Amino acid sequence: MGRGRAKAKQTRVARELKYSSPNTDLTALQRELAGSSSTYTAPPAVDDDDEDEDDTYADRWADDDSDDDWAASR
């Protein structure tokens, strides 16, 4: 019991959010849609080619076909 007041408040807040129309900042929207290149710079590309060179387990867990031989021998 006691849920009636809370549910009524949630319903009222939901209606306010659904039917209200907040003031839209059209100049900010225009700036965002224009996408000026001075505000955003792309991060540099990451080179992952030499990632396995530093990995001590790269050779041990490399994808060789030795596990296929084990399955065939069983």
PDB file of N, CA and C in Angstrom:
ATOM      1  N   MET A   1       0.827  -1.180   0.000  1.00  0.00           N
ATOM      2  CA  MET A   1       0.000   0.000   0.000  1.00  0.00           C
ATOM      3  C   MET A   1       0.873   1.245   0.000  1.00  0.00           C
ATOM      4  N   GLY A   2       0.246   2.374  -0.273  1.00  0.00           N
ATOM      5  CA  GLY A   2       0.990   3.615  -0.286  1.00  0.00           C
ATOM      6  C   GLY A   2       1.632   3.929  -1.615  1.00  0.00           C
ATOM      7  N   ARG A   3       1.354   3.138  -2.624  1.00  0.00           N
ATOM      8  CA  ARG A   3       1.963   3.358  -3.932  1.00  0.00           C
ATOM      9  C   ARG A   3       1.189   4.394  -4.740  1.00  0.00           C
ATOM     10  N   GLY A   4      -0.034   4.699  -4.389  1.00  0.00           N
ATOM     11  CA  GLY A   4      -0.875   5.596  -5.168  1.00  0.00           C
ATOM     12  C   GLY A   4      -0.297   6.984  -5.340  1.00  0.00           C
ATOM     13  N   ARG A   5       0.211   7.562  -4.260  1.00  0.00           N
ATOM     14  CA  ARG A   5       0.760   8.913  -4.330  1.00  0.00           C
ATOM     15  C   ARG A   5       2.033   8.940  -5.174  1.00  0.00           C
ATOM     16  N   ALA A   6       2.893   7.934  -5.020  1.00  0.00           N
ATOM     17  CA  ALA A   6       4.135   7.880  -5.799  1.00  0.00           C
ATOM     18  C   ALA A   6       3.837   7.674  -7.281  1.00  0.00           C
ATOM     19  N   LYS A   7       2.869   6.806  -7.564  1.00  0.00           N
ATOM     20  CA  LYS A   7       2.520   6.562  -8.965  1.00  0.00           C
ATOM     21  C   LYS A   7       1.908   7.806  -9.594  1.00  0.00           C
ATOM     22  N   ALA A   8       1.091   8.523  -8.853  1.00  0.00           N
ATOM     23  CA  ALA A   8       0.493   9.749  -9.373  1.00  0.00           C
ATOM     24  C   ALA A   8       1.566  10.784  -9.684  1.00  0.00           C
ATOM     25  N   LYS A   9       2.572  10.877  -8.816  1.00  0.00           N
ATOM     26  CA  LYS A   9       3.652  11.827  -9.061  1.00  0.00           C
ATOM     27  C   LYS A   9       4.455  11.425 -10.290  1.00  0.00           C
ATOM     28  N   GLN A  10       4.752  10.125 -10.431  1.00  0.00           N
ATOM     29  CA  GLN A  10       5.485   9.660 -11.608  1.00  0.00           C
ATOM     30  C   GLN A  10       4.702   9.935 -12.881  1.00  0.00           C
ATOM     31  N   THR A  11       3.398   9.731 -12.838  1.00  0.00           N
ATOM     32  CA  THR A  11       2.555   9.996 -14.006  1.00  0.00           C
ATOM     33  C   THR A  11       2.565  11.476 -14.352  1.00  0.00           C
ATOM     34  N   ARG A  12       2.483  12.326 -13.331  1.00  0.00           N
ATOM     35  CA  ARG A  12       2.500  13.771 -13.568  1.00  0.00           C
ATOM     36  C   ARG A  12       3.827  14.209 -14.172  1.00  0.00           C
ATOM     37  N   VAL A  13       4.937  13.711 -13.637  1.00  0.00           N
ATOM     38  CA  VAL A  13       6.254  14.072 -14.158  1.00  0.00           C
ATOM     39  C   VAL A  13       6.418  13.562 -15.583  1.00  0.00           C
ATOM     40  N   ALA A  14       5.941  12.356 -15.851  1.00  0.00           N
ATOM     41  CA  ALA A  14       6.045  11.799 -17.202  1.00  0.00           C
ATOM     42  C   ALA A  14       5.255  12.636 -18.195  1.00  0.00           C
ATOM     43  N   ARG A  15       4.076  13.091 -17.802  1.00  0.00           N
ATOM     44  CA  ARG A  15       3.283  13.943 -18.699  1.00  0.00           C
ATOM     45  C   ARG A  15       3.972  15.273 -18.950  1.00  0.00           C
ATOM     46  N   GLU A  16       4.561  15.843 -17.902  1.00  0.00           N
ATOM     47  CA  GLU A  16       5.276  17.111 -18.080  1.00  0.00           C
ATOM     48  C   GLU A  16       6.430  16.951 -19.058  1.00  0.00           C
ATOM     49  N   LEU A  17       7.166  15.857 -18.939  1.00  0.00           N
ATOM     50  CA  LEU A  17       8.286  15.628 -19.851  1.00  0.00           C
ATOM     51  C   LEU A  17       7.808  15.369 -21.274  1.00  0.00           C
ATOM     52  N   LYS A  18       6.708  14.649 -21.398  1.00  0.00           N
ATOM     53  CA  LYS A  18       6.216  14.283 -22.729  1.00  0.00           C
ATOM     54  C   LYS A  18       5.666  15.488 -23.477  1.00  0.00           C
ATOM     55  N   TYR A  19       4.921  16.323 -22.792  1.00  0.00           N
ATOM     56  CA  TYR A  19       4.219  17.397 -23.480  1.00  0.00           C
ATOM     57  C   TYR A  19       4.881  18.761 -23.362  1.00  0.00           C
ATOM     58  N   SER A  20       5.961  18.871 -22.626  1.00  0.00           N
ATOM     59  CA  SER A  20       6.622  20.170 -22.530  1.00  0.00           C
ATOM     60  C   SER A  20       7.533  20.361 -23.735  1.00  0.00           C
ATOM     61  N   SER A  21       7.728  21.593 -24.109  1.00  0.00           N
ATOM     62  CA  SER A  21       8.636  21.896 -25.215  1.00  0.00           C
ATOM     63  C   SER A  21       9.668  22.898 -24.703  1.00  0.00           C
ATOM     64  N   PRO A  22      10.830  22.409 -24.327  1.00  0.00           N
ATOM     65  CA  PRO A  22      11.849  23.316 -23.806  1.00  0.00           C
ATOM     66  C   PRO A  22      12.359  24.242 -24.901  1.00  0.00           C
ATOM     67  N   ASN A  23      12.882  25.383 -24.491  1.00  0.00           N
ATOM     68  CA  ASN A  23      13.440  26.325 -25.457  1.00  0.00           C
ATOM     69  C   ASN A  23      14.663  25.697 -26.110  1.00  0.00           C
ATOM     70  N   THR A  24      14.677  25.702 -27.427  1.00  0.00           N
ATOM     71  CA  THR A  24      15.778  25.117 -28.173  1.00  0.00           C
ATOM     72  C   THR A  24      16.756  26.209 -28.562  1.00  0.00           C
ATOM     73  N   ASP A  25      18.027  25.982 -28.284  1.00  0.00           N
ATOM     74  CA  ASP A  25      19.068  26.925 -28.661  1.00  0.00           C
ATOM     75  C   ASP A  25      19.452  26.627 -30.107  1.00  0.00           C
ATOM     76  N   LEU A  26      18.832  27.339 -31.033  1.00  0.00           N
ATOM     77  CA  LEU A  26      19.030  27.056 -32.453  1.00  0.00           C
ATOM     78  C   LEU A  26      20.432  27.415 -32.928  1.00  0.00           C
ATOM     79  N   THR A  27      21.060  28.405 -32.319  1.00  0.00           N
ATOM     80  CA  THR A  27      22.425  28.747 -32.738  1.00  0.00           C
ATOM     81  C   THR A  27      23.404  27.648 -32.337  1.00  0.00           C
ATOM     82  N   ALA A  28      23.203  27.065 -31.156  1.00  0.00           N
ATOM     83  CA  ALA A  28      24.070  25.956 -30.741  1.00  0.00           C
ATOM     84  C   ALA A  28      23.850  24.748 -31.638  1.00  0.00           C
ATOM     85  N   LEU A  29      22.600  24.519 -32.019  1.00  0.00           N
ATOM     86  CA  LEU A  29      22.300  23.414 -32.929  1.00  0.00           C
ATOM     87  C   LEU A  29      22.952  23.635 -34.285  1.00  0.00           C
ATOM     88  N   GLN A  30      22.907  24.861 -34.772  1.00  0.00           N
ATOM     89  CA  GLN A  30      23.521  25.164 -36.062  1.00  0.00           C
ATOM     90  C   GLN A  30      25.040  24.970 -36.003  1.00  0.00           C
ATOM     91  N   ARG A  31      25.661  25.400 -34.911  1.00  0.00           N
ATOM     92  CA  ARG A  31      27.110  25.189 -34.760  1.00  0.00           C
ATOM     93  C   ARG A  31      27.453  23.708 -34.723  1.00  0.00           C
ATOM     94  N   GLU A  32      26.639  22.935 -34.020  1.00  0.00           N
ATOM     95  CA  GLU A  32      26.896  21.499 -33.916  1.00  0.00           C
ATOM     96  C   GLU A  32      26.734  20.810 -35.266  1.00  0.00           C
ATOM     97  N   LEU A  33      25.715  21.195 -36.003  1.00  0.00           N
ATOM     98  CA  LEU A  33      25.480  20.575 -37.308  1.00  0.00           C
ATOM     99  C   LEU A  33      26.483  21.040 -38.352  1.00  0.00           C
ATOM    100  N   ALA A  34      26.993  22.262 -38.208  1.00  0.00           N
ATOM    101  CA  ALA A  34      27.980  22.764 -39.160  1.00  0.00           C
ATOM    102  C   ALA A  34      29.286  22.000 -39.020  1.00  0.00           C
ATOM    103  N   GLY A  35      29.610  21.590 -37.814  1.00  0.00           N
ATOM    104  CA  GLY A  35      30.797  20.773 -37.589  1.00  0.00           C
ATOM    105  C   GLY A  35      32.080  21.484 -37.920  1.00  0.00           C
ATOM    106  N   SER A  36      32.348  22.582 -37.246  1.00  0.00           N
ATOM    107  CA  SER A  36      33.591  23.295 -37.513  1.00  0.00           C
ATOM    108  C   SER A  36      34.768  22.391 -37.175  1.00  0.00           C
ATOM    109  N   SER A  37      35.744  22.355 -38.063  1.00  0.00           N
ATOM    110  CA  SER A  37      36.869  21.438 -37.905  1.00  0.00           C
ATOM    111  C   SER A  37      37.864  21.910 -36.859  1.00  0.00           C
ATOM    112  N   SER A  38      37.761  23.157 -36.415  1.00  0.00           N
ATOM    113  CA  SER A  38      38.726  23.667 -35.444  1.00  0.00           C
ATOM    114  C   SER A  38      38.479  23.119 -34.044  1.00  0.00           C
ATOM    115  N   THR A  39      37.279  22.639 -33.752  1.00  0.00           N
ATOM    116  CA  THR A  39      36.992  22.164 -32.405  1.00  0.00           C
ATOM    117  C   THR A  39      37.288  20.685 -32.230  1.00  0.00           C
ATOM    118  N   TYR A  40      37.385  19.926 -33.294  1.00  0.00           N
ATOM    119  CA  TYR A  40      37.605  18.482 -33.171  1.00  0.00           C
ATOM    120  C   TYR A  40      38.784  18.059 -34.019  1.00  0.00           C
ATOM    121  N   THR A  41      39.680  17.333 -33.412  1.00  0.00           N
ATOM    122  CA  THR A  41      40.782  16.748 -34.162  1.00  0.00           C
ATOM    123  C   THR A  41      40.755  15.248 -33.934  1.00  0.00           C
ATOM    124  N   ALA A  42      40.909  14.492 -34.989  1.00  0.00           N
ATOM    125  CA  ALA A  42      40.863  13.038 -34.894  1.00  0.00           C
ATOM    126  C   ALA A  42      42.110  12.524 -34.189  1.00  0.00           C
ATOM    127  N   PRO A  43      41.965  11.511 -33.357  1.00  0.00           N
ATOM    128  CA  PRO A  43      43.143  10.949 -32.698  1.00  0.00           C
ATOM    129  C   PRO A  43      44.026  10.239 -33.713  1.00  0.00           C
ATOM    130  N   PRO A  44      45.321  10.180 -33.449  1.00  0.00           N
ATOM    131  CA  PRO A  44      46.217   9.518 -34.401  1.00  0.00           C
ATOM    132  C   PRO A  44      45.913   8.024 -34.487  1.00  0.00           C
ATOM    133  N   ALA A  45      46.176   7.464 -35.650  1.00  0.00           N
ATOM    134  CA  ALA A  45      45.935   6.041 -35.860  1.00  0.00           C
ATOM    135  C   ALA A  45      46.926   5.224 -35.036  1.00  0.00           C
ATOM    136  N   VAL A  46      46.469   4.107 -34.527  1.00  0.00           N
ATOM    137  CA  VAL A  46      47.309   3.240 -33.710  1.00  0.00           C
ATOM    138  C   VAL A  46      47.822   2.107 -34.578  1.00  0.00           C
ATOM    139  N   ASP A  47      49.126   1.862 -34.516  1.00  0.00           N
ATOM    140  CA  ASP A  47      49.735   0.795 -35.300  1.00  0.00           C
ATOM    141  C   ASP A  47      49.835  -0.450 -34.427  1.00  0.00           C
ATOM    142  N   ASP A  48      48.999  -1.453 -34.704  1.00  0.00           N
ATOM    143  CA  ASP A  48      48.989  -2.684 -33.924  1.00  0.00           C
ATOM    144  C   ASP A  48      49.762  -3.810 -34.587  1.00  0.00           C
ATOM    145  N   ASP A  49      50.514  -3.521 -35.638  1.00  0.00           N
ATOM    146  CA  ASP A  49      51.207  -4.578 -36.366  1.00  0.00           C
ATOM    147  C   ASP A  49      52.292  -5.243 -35.534  1.00  0.00           C
ATOM    148  N   ASP A  50      52.976  -4.481 -34.700  1.00  0.00           N
ATOM    149  CA  ASP A  50      54.077  -5.057 -33.943  1.00  0.00           C
ATOM    150  C   ASP A  50      53.661  -5.427 -32.525  1.00  0.00           C
ATOM    151  N   GLU A  51      52.398  -5.669 -32.314  1.00  0.00           N
ATOM    152  CA  GLU A  51      51.909  -6.014 -30.988  1.00  0.00           C
ATOM    153  C   GLU A  51      52.457  -7.361 -30.524  1.00  0.00           C
ATOM    154  N   ASP A  52      52.572  -8.335 -31.418  1.00  0.00           N
ATOM    155  CA  ASP A  52      53.037  -9.662 -31.050  1.00  0.00           C
ATOM    156  C   ASP A  52      54.531  -9.719 -30.784  1.00  0.00           C
ATOM    157  N   GLU A  53      55.278  -8.735 -31.215  1.00  0.00           N
ATOM    158  CA  GLU A  53      56.719  -8.750 -31.002  1.00  0.00           C
ATOM    159  C   GLU A  53      57.061  -8.667 -29.521  1.00  0.00           C
ATOM    160  N   ASP A  54      56.281  -7.926 -28.751  1.00  0.00           N
ATOM    161  CA  ASP A  54      56.559  -7.754 -27.337  1.00  0.00           C
ATOM    162  C   ASP A  54      55.860  -8.796 -26.471  1.00  0.00           C
ATOM    163  N   ASP A  55      54.966  -9.559 -27.032  1.00  0.00           N
ATOM    164  CA  ASP A  55      54.191 -10.525 -26.276  1.00  0.00           C
ATOM    165  C   ASP A  55      54.981 -11.818 -26.110  1.00  0.00           C
ATOM    166  N   THR A  56      55.263 -12.185 -24.863  1.00  0.00           N
ATOM    167  CA  THR A  56      56.065 -13.388 -24.619  1.00  0.00           C
ATOM    168  C   THR A  56      55.283 -14.659 -24.901  1.00  0.00           C
ATOM    169  N   TYR A  57      53.957 -14.595 -24.879  1.00  0.00           N
ATOM    170  CA  TYR A  57      53.140 -15.779 -25.108  1.00  0.00           C
ATOM    171  C   TYR A  57      52.617 -15.871 -26.535  1.00  0.00           C
ATOM    172  N   ALA A  58      53.042 -14.973 -27.402  1.00  0.00           N
ATOM    173  CA  ALA A  58      52.516 -14.951 -28.763  1.00  0.00           C
ATOM    174  C   ALA A  58      52.826 -16.248 -29.493  1.00  0.00           C
ATOM    175  N   ASP A  59      54.047 -16.749 -29.374  1.00  0.00           N
ATOM    176  CA  ASP A  59      54.390 -17.983 -30.072  1.00  0.00           C
ATOM    177  C   ASP A  59      53.712 -19.190 -29.441  1.00  0.00           C
ATOM    178  N   ARG A  60      53.591 -19.181 -28.144  1.00  0.00           N
ATOM    179  CA  ARG A  60      53.002 -20.329 -27.460  1.00  0.00           C
ATOM    180  C   ARG A  60      51.532 -20.505 -27.818  1.00  0.00           C
ATOM    181  N   TRP A  61      50.795 -19.424 -27.903  1.00  0.00           N
ATOM    182  CA  TRP A  61      49.360 -19.500 -28.157  1.00  0.00           C
ATOM    183  C   TRP A  61      49.006 -19.125 -29.589  1.00  0.00           C
ATOM    184  N   ALA A  62      49.978 -19.129 -30.475  1.00  0.00           N
ATOM    185  CA  ALA A  62      49.710 -18.802 -31.874  1.00  0.00           C
ATOM    186  C   ALA A  62      48.758 -19.844 -32.452  1.00  0.00           C
ATOM    187  N   ASP A  63      48.025 -19.440 -33.451  1.00  0.00           N
ATOM    188  CA  ASP A  63      47.023 -20.330 -34.038  1.00  0.00           C
ATOM    189  C   ASP A  63      47.696 -21.279 -35.020  1.00  0.00           C
ATOM    190  N   ASP A  64      48.269 -22.325 -34.474  1.00  0.00           N
ATOM    191  CA  ASP A  64      48.785 -23.372 -35.347  1.00  0.00           C
ATOM    192  C   ASP A  64      47.777 -24.513 -35.337  1.00  0.00           C
ATOM    193  N   ASP A  65      47.963 -25.466 -36.160  1.00  0.00           N
ATOM    194  CA  ASP A  65      46.987 -26.538 -36.298  1.00  0.00           C
ATOM    195  C   ASP A  65      47.317 -27.744 -35.434  1.00  0.00           C
ATOM    196  N   SER A  66      48.099 -27.568 -34.366  1.00  0.00           N
ATOM    197  CA  SER A  66      48.447 -28.702 -33.521  1.00  0.00           C
ATOM    198  C   SER A  66      47.238 -29.216 -32.749  1.00  0.00           C
ATOM    199  N   ASP A  67      46.283 -28.353 -32.438  1.00  0.00           N
ATOM    200  CA  ASP A  67      45.105 -28.828 -31.727  1.00  0.00           C
ATOM    201  C   ASP A  67      44.212 -29.670 -32.627  1.00  0.00           C
ATOM    202  N   ASP A  68      44.264 -29.459 -33.928  1.00  0.00           N
ATOM    203  CA  ASP A  68      43.497 -30.294 -34.843  1.00  0.00           C
ATOM    204  C   ASP A  68      44.044 -31.715 -34.856  1.00  0.00           C
ATOM    205  N   ASP A  69      45.364 -31.867 -34.714  1.00  0.00           N
ATOM    206  CA  ASP A  69      45.966 -33.193 -34.677  1.00  0.00           C
ATOM    207  C   ASP A  69      45.529 -33.944 -33.427  1.00  0.00           C
ATOM    208  N   TRP A  70      45.406 -33.257 -32.304  1.00  0.00           N
ATOM    209  CA  TRP A  70      44.984 -33.890 -31.065  1.00  0.00           C
ATOM    210  C   TRP A  70      43.562 -34.417 -31.190  1.00  0.00           C
ATOM    211  N   ALA A  71      42.676 -33.624 -31.790  1.00  0.00           N
ATOM    212  CA  ALA A  71      41.288 -34.047 -31.931  1.00  0.00           C
ATOM    213  C   ALA A  71      41.180 -35.234 -32.875  1.00  0.00           C
ATOM    214  N   ALA A  72      42.011 -35.307 -33.887  1.00  0.00           N
ATOM    215  CA  ALA A  72      41.950 -36.406 -34.845  1.00  0.00           C
ATOM    216  C   ALA A  72      42.488 -37.694 -34.239  1.00  0.00           C
ATOM    217  N   SER A  73      43.405 -37.611 -33.267  1.00  0.00           N
ATOM    218  CA  SER A  73      43.999 -38.812 -32.695  1.00  0.00           C
ATOM    219  C   SER A  73      43.103 -39.462 -31.655  1.00  0.00           C
ATOM    220  N   ARG A  74      42.117 -38.781 -31.150  1.00  0.00           N
ATOM    221  CA  ARG A  74      41.229 -39.357 -30.125  1.00  0.00           C
ATOM    222  C   ARG A  74      40.231 -40.253 -30.707  1.00  0.00           C
TER     223      ARG A  74
END
